[in-house]
């Protein structure tokens, strides 16, 4: 009985130490971390200029090619579900939609 408790405690201590180490590497208060700045207007413009359709609320651009997606900093999905944003997708058309997704 004591072994599982000790194992759990050691895992918890290791996790707290890892989080504390990452917090020490974070920028100081008021410092600007330029890697975290996302220019959404530029991504939307890139989507539209490549002939795509921007989906607000999902951070996605439909119907652009892989090269345009990569240039905009997205992740290309050549065959996303046409019904991926429908909560009731019990019946869905079997059709691929090329999509470029962005973490947000």
N, C-alpha and C. Protein backbone atom coordinates (compact mmCIF):
# COMPACT_ATOMS: atom_id res chain seq x y z
N UNK A 1 0.82 -1.19 0.00
CA UNK A 1 0.00 0.00 0.00
C UNK A 1 0.87 1.26 0.00
N UNK A 2 1.99 1.22 0.74
CA UNK A 2 2.85 2.39 0.82
C UNK A 2 3.55 2.66 -0.50
N UNK A 3 3.90 1.62 -1.26
CA UNK A 3 4.62 1.78 -2.51
C UNK A 3 3.83 2.60 -3.53
N UNK A 4 2.54 2.32 -3.79
CA UNK A 4 1.79 3.15 -4.73
C UNK A 4 1.69 4.61 -4.28
N UNK A 5 1.56 4.85 -3.00
CA UNK A 5 1.47 6.22 -2.51
C UNK A 5 2.79 6.94 -2.73
N UNK A 6 3.90 6.26 -2.45
CA UNK A 6 5.22 6.87 -2.66
C UNK A 6 5.47 7.13 -4.14
N UNK A 7 5.05 6.20 -4.97
CA UNK A 7 5.20 6.38 -6.41
C UNK A 7 4.39 7.58 -6.89
N UNK A 8 3.18 7.70 -6.44
CA UNK A 8 2.33 8.82 -6.81
C UNK A 8 2.92 10.15 -6.33
N UNK A 9 3.44 10.17 -5.11
CA UNK A 9 4.06 11.39 -4.59
C UNK A 9 5.30 11.78 -5.38
N UNK A 10 6.12 10.81 -5.74
CA UNK A 10 7.33 11.13 -6.51
C UNK A 10 6.98 11.65 -7.89
N UNK A 11 5.92 11.12 -8.51
CA UNK A 11 5.47 11.62 -9.82
C UNK A 11 4.95 13.04 -9.69
N UNK A 12 4.23 13.34 -8.62
CA UNK A 12 3.70 14.67 -8.39
C UNK A 12 4.83 15.67 -8.18
N UNK A 13 5.82 15.29 -7.42
CA UNK A 13 6.97 16.18 -7.16
C UNK A 13 7.72 16.44 -8.46
N UNK A 14 7.91 15.42 -9.30
CA UNK A 14 8.59 15.60 -10.57
C UNK A 14 7.81 16.54 -11.48
N UNK A 15 6.49 16.41 -11.51
CA UNK A 15 5.66 17.27 -12.35
C UNK A 15 5.73 18.72 -11.89
N UNK A 16 5.67 18.94 -10.59
CA UNK A 16 5.76 20.30 -10.06
C UNK A 16 7.11 20.91 -10.39
N UNK A 17 8.17 20.12 -10.29
CA UNK A 17 9.51 20.61 -10.62
C UNK A 17 9.63 20.99 -12.08
N UNK A 18 9.02 20.20 -12.97
CA UNK A 18 9.07 20.51 -14.40
C UNK A 18 8.33 21.80 -14.70
N UNK A 19 7.18 22.00 -14.09
CA UNK A 19 6.40 23.22 -14.30
C UNK A 19 7.16 24.42 -13.75
N UNK A 20 7.78 24.27 -12.59
CA UNK A 20 8.54 25.37 -12.00
C UNK A 20 9.72 25.73 -12.88
N UNK A 21 10.36 24.73 -13.49
CA UNK A 21 11.48 25.00 -14.39
C UNK A 21 11.06 25.77 -15.62
N UNK A 22 9.90 25.44 -16.18
CA UNK A 22 9.39 26.18 -17.34
C UNK A 22 9.00 27.59 -16.96
N UNK A 23 8.46 27.78 -15.78
CA UNK A 23 8.08 29.13 -15.34
C UNK A 23 9.31 30.01 -15.20
N UNK A 24 10.44 29.43 -14.79
CA UNK A 24 11.66 30.22 -14.65
C UNK A 24 12.18 30.68 -16.00
N UNK A 25 11.90 29.93 -17.07
CA UNK A 25 12.35 30.29 -18.40
C UNK A 25 11.41 31.28 -19.10
N UNK A 26 10.25 31.53 -18.53
CA UNK A 26 9.27 32.42 -19.15
C UNK A 26 9.77 33.86 -19.11
N UNK A 27 9.33 34.69 -20.06
CA UNK A 27 9.74 36.09 -20.05
C UNK A 27 9.26 36.78 -18.77
N UNK A 28 10.03 37.74 -18.33
CA UNK A 28 9.67 38.50 -17.14
C UNK A 28 8.43 39.35 -17.42
N UNK A 29 7.75 39.72 -16.38
CA UNK A 29 6.54 40.53 -16.50
C UNK A 29 6.85 41.79 -17.29
N UNK A 30 6.04 42.06 -18.27
CA UNK A 30 6.23 43.25 -19.09
C UNK A 30 7.09 42.98 -20.32
N UNK A 31 7.81 41.85 -20.35
CA UNK A 31 8.64 41.53 -21.50
C UNK A 31 7.75 41.02 -22.63
N UNK A 32 8.15 41.28 -23.86
CA UNK A 32 7.38 40.90 -25.02
C UNK A 32 7.99 39.66 -25.65
N UNK A 33 7.24 38.59 -25.73
CA UNK A 33 7.71 37.37 -26.37
C UNK A 33 7.21 37.38 -27.81
N UNK A 34 8.06 37.75 -28.74
CA UNK A 34 7.65 37.95 -30.13
C UNK A 34 7.24 36.65 -30.81
N UNK A 35 7.70 35.50 -30.29
CA UNK A 35 7.31 34.22 -30.88
C UNK A 35 5.83 33.93 -30.68
N UNK A 36 5.21 34.53 -29.67
CA UNK A 36 3.81 34.25 -29.35
C UNK A 36 2.83 35.18 -30.05
N UNK A 37 3.35 36.20 -30.73
CA UNK A 37 2.48 37.15 -31.42
C UNK A 37 2.00 36.52 -32.72
N UNK A 38 0.71 36.48 -32.91
CA UNK A 38 0.13 35.91 -34.12
C UNK A 38 -0.57 37.02 -34.87
N UNK A 39 -0.20 37.19 -36.12
CA UNK A 39 -0.82 38.22 -36.95
C UNK A 39 -1.98 37.57 -37.71
N UNK A 40 -3.15 37.55 -37.06
CA UNK A 40 -4.31 36.90 -37.66
C UNK A 40 -4.76 37.61 -38.92
N UNK A 41 -4.64 38.93 -38.97
CA UNK A 41 -5.04 39.65 -40.18
C UNK A 41 -4.22 39.21 -41.38
N UNK A 42 -2.92 38.98 -41.17
CA UNK A 42 -2.05 38.52 -42.26
C UNK A 42 -2.45 37.12 -42.71
N UNK A 43 -2.81 36.26 -41.77
CA UNK A 43 -3.22 34.90 -42.13
C UNK A 43 -4.54 34.90 -42.89
N UNK A 44 -5.46 35.73 -42.45
CA UNK A 44 -6.75 35.83 -43.16
C UNK A 44 -6.53 36.37 -44.56
N UNK A 45 -5.69 37.38 -44.70
CA UNK A 45 -5.40 37.95 -46.02
C UNK A 45 -4.72 36.92 -46.91
N UNK A 46 -3.79 36.13 -46.36
CA UNK A 46 -3.12 35.09 -47.15
C UNK A 46 -4.11 34.04 -47.61
N UNK A 47 -5.03 33.69 -46.74
CA UNK A 47 -6.07 32.72 -47.08
C UNK A 47 -6.90 33.22 -48.26
N UNK A 48 -7.38 34.42 -48.12
CA UNK A 48 -8.26 34.97 -49.16
C UNK A 48 -7.52 35.21 -50.47
N UNK A 49 -6.25 35.66 -50.39
CA UNK A 49 -5.50 35.92 -51.62
C UNK A 49 -5.17 34.62 -52.35
N UNK A 50 -5.15 33.49 -51.64
CA UNK A 50 -4.92 32.20 -52.27
C UNK A 50 -6.22 31.57 -52.76
N UNK A 51 -7.33 32.31 -52.63
CA UNK A 51 -8.62 31.82 -53.10
C UNK A 51 -9.37 30.98 -52.08
N UNK A 52 -8.92 31.02 -50.84
CA UNK A 52 -9.55 30.22 -49.80
C UNK A 52 -10.67 30.94 -49.09
N UNK A 53 -11.35 30.22 -48.22
CA UNK A 53 -12.43 30.76 -47.40
C UNK A 53 -12.01 30.66 -45.94
N UNK A 54 -11.91 31.80 -45.25
CA UNK A 54 -11.51 31.82 -43.84
C UNK A 54 -12.71 31.49 -42.96
N UNK A 55 -12.53 30.57 -42.03
CA UNK A 55 -13.59 30.20 -41.10
C UNK A 55 -13.29 30.83 -39.74
N UNK A 56 -13.94 31.95 -39.47
CA UNK A 56 -13.76 32.62 -38.18
C UNK A 56 -14.25 31.70 -37.07
N UNK A 57 -13.60 31.71 -35.95
CA UNK A 57 -13.97 30.87 -34.83
C UNK A 57 -13.33 29.49 -34.86
N UNK A 58 -12.79 29.11 -36.01
CA UNK A 58 -12.13 27.81 -36.12
C UNK A 58 -10.66 27.96 -36.51
N UNK A 59 -10.24 29.16 -36.86
CA UNK A 59 -8.86 29.43 -37.29
C UNK A 59 -8.45 28.50 -38.42
N UNK A 60 -9.30 28.43 -39.43
CA UNK A 60 -9.06 27.56 -40.57
C UNK A 60 -9.30 28.30 -41.87
N UNK A 61 -8.59 27.84 -42.89
CA UNK A 61 -8.79 28.33 -44.25
C UNK A 61 -9.08 27.12 -45.12
N UNK A 62 -10.24 27.11 -45.74
CA UNK A 62 -10.62 26.00 -46.62
C UNK A 62 -10.23 26.30 -48.06
N UNK A 63 -9.92 25.22 -48.76
CA UNK A 63 -9.71 25.22 -50.20
C UNK A 63 -8.50 26.05 -50.66
N UNK A 64 -7.39 25.93 -49.94
CA UNK A 64 -6.13 26.45 -50.46
C UNK A 64 -5.16 25.28 -50.57
N UNK A 65 -4.12 25.46 -51.36
CA UNK A 65 -3.18 24.36 -51.55
C UNK A 65 -2.13 24.32 -50.44
N UNK A 66 -1.36 23.25 -50.45
CA UNK A 66 -0.39 23.01 -49.39
C UNK A 66 0.70 24.09 -49.33
N UNK A 67 1.14 24.57 -50.48
CA UNK A 67 2.19 25.59 -50.51
C UNK A 67 1.70 26.90 -49.88
N UNK A 68 0.49 27.30 -50.22
CA UNK A 68 -0.07 28.53 -49.65
C UNK A 68 -0.27 28.39 -48.14
N UNK A 69 -0.69 27.21 -47.71
CA UNK A 69 -0.89 26.96 -46.29
C UNK A 69 0.44 27.06 -45.54
N UNK A 70 1.47 26.42 -46.08
CA UNK A 70 2.78 26.47 -45.45
C UNK A 70 3.34 27.88 -45.38
N UNK A 71 3.14 28.65 -46.44
CA UNK A 71 3.61 30.04 -46.45
C UNK A 71 2.92 30.88 -45.39
N UNK A 72 1.68 30.54 -45.08
CA UNK A 72 0.91 31.29 -44.07
C UNK A 72 1.19 30.79 -42.66
N UNK A 73 1.98 29.71 -42.53
CA UNK A 73 2.31 29.19 -41.21
C UNK A 73 1.31 28.20 -40.65
N UNK A 74 0.50 27.62 -41.53
CA UNK A 74 -0.52 26.67 -41.08
C UNK A 74 -0.10 25.22 -41.25
N UNK A 75 -0.99 24.34 -40.86
CA UNK A 75 -0.80 22.89 -41.02
C UNK A 75 -1.83 22.41 -42.04
N UNK A 76 -1.35 21.78 -43.11
CA UNK A 76 -2.22 21.39 -44.22
C UNK A 76 -2.86 20.03 -43.98
N UNK A 77 -4.17 19.97 -44.21
CA UNK A 77 -4.94 18.74 -44.14
C UNK A 77 -5.60 18.55 -45.51
N UNK A 78 -5.11 17.62 -46.33
CA UNK A 78 -5.64 17.48 -47.68
C UNK A 78 -7.06 16.93 -47.74
N UNK A 79 -7.50 16.27 -46.67
CA UNK A 79 -8.82 15.63 -46.72
C UNK A 79 -9.55 15.77 -45.38
N UNK A 80 -9.89 17.00 -45.03
CA UNK A 80 -10.66 17.24 -43.80
C UNK A 80 -12.13 16.93 -44.09
N UNK A 81 -12.86 16.56 -43.07
CA UNK A 81 -14.28 16.25 -43.22
C UNK A 81 -15.07 17.53 -43.51
N UNK A 82 -15.98 17.45 -44.43
CA UNK A 82 -16.85 18.58 -44.74
C UNK A 82 -17.77 18.91 -43.57
N UNK A 83 -17.95 17.97 -42.66
CA UNK A 83 -18.87 18.14 -41.52
C UNK A 83 -18.14 18.27 -40.19
N UNK A 84 -16.87 18.61 -40.20
CA UNK A 84 -16.07 18.60 -38.97
C UNK A 84 -16.53 19.58 -37.91
N UNK A 85 -17.29 20.59 -38.29
CA UNK A 85 -17.76 21.58 -37.31
C UNK A 85 -19.24 21.45 -36.98
N UNK A 86 -19.86 20.42 -37.50
CA UNK A 86 -21.27 20.17 -37.19
C UNK A 86 -21.36 19.24 -36.00
N UNK A 87 -21.96 19.66 -34.90
CA UNK A 87 -22.05 18.78 -33.72
C UNK A 87 -22.94 17.56 -33.96
N UNK A 88 -23.86 17.65 -34.90
CA UNK A 88 -24.79 16.55 -35.16
C UNK A 88 -24.43 15.83 -36.47
N UNK A 89 -23.15 15.57 -36.68
CA UNK A 89 -22.73 15.02 -37.97
C UNK A 89 -23.04 13.53 -38.11
N UNK A 90 -24.26 13.16 -37.77
CA UNK A 90 -24.68 11.77 -37.91
C UNK A 90 -24.74 11.36 -39.38
N UNK A 91 -25.19 12.26 -40.21
CA UNK A 91 -25.21 12.03 -41.64
C UNK A 91 -24.34 13.09 -42.28
N UNK A 92 -23.31 12.65 -42.98
CA UNK A 92 -22.35 13.60 -43.55
C UNK A 92 -21.97 13.15 -44.95
N UNK A 93 -21.81 14.11 -45.83
CA UNK A 93 -21.37 13.82 -47.18
C UNK A 93 -19.93 13.29 -47.13
N UNK A 94 -19.66 12.28 -47.90
CA UNK A 94 -18.31 11.70 -47.96
C UNK A 94 -17.49 12.48 -48.97
N UNK A 95 -17.01 13.63 -48.56
CA UNK A 95 -16.27 14.51 -49.45
C UNK A 95 -15.12 15.15 -48.67
N UNK A 96 -13.96 15.17 -49.28
CA UNK A 96 -12.80 15.80 -48.67
C UNK A 96 -12.83 17.31 -48.92
N UNK A 97 -12.37 18.06 -47.93
CA UNK A 97 -12.21 19.49 -48.08
C UNK A 97 -10.76 19.82 -47.71
N UNK A 98 -9.96 20.31 -48.67
CA UNK A 98 -8.60 20.70 -48.31
C UNK A 98 -8.66 21.87 -47.33
N UNK A 99 -7.90 21.76 -46.26
CA UNK A 99 -8.02 22.75 -45.18
C UNK A 99 -6.65 23.05 -44.60
N UNK A 100 -6.47 24.30 -44.24
CA UNK A 100 -5.25 24.77 -43.58
C UNK A 100 -5.64 25.22 -42.17
N UNK A 101 -5.10 24.57 -41.16
CA UNK A 101 -5.44 24.90 -39.78
C UNK A 101 -4.33 25.65 -39.08
N UNK A 102 -4.72 26.51 -38.16
CA UNK A 102 -3.78 27.32 -37.39
C UNK A 102 -4.06 27.15 -35.91
N UNK A 103 -3.01 26.92 -35.14
CA UNK A 103 -3.16 26.86 -33.69
C UNK A 103 -3.49 28.25 -33.19
N UNK A 104 -4.33 28.32 -32.21
CA UNK A 104 -4.69 29.65 -31.75
C UNK A 104 -5.01 29.64 -30.33
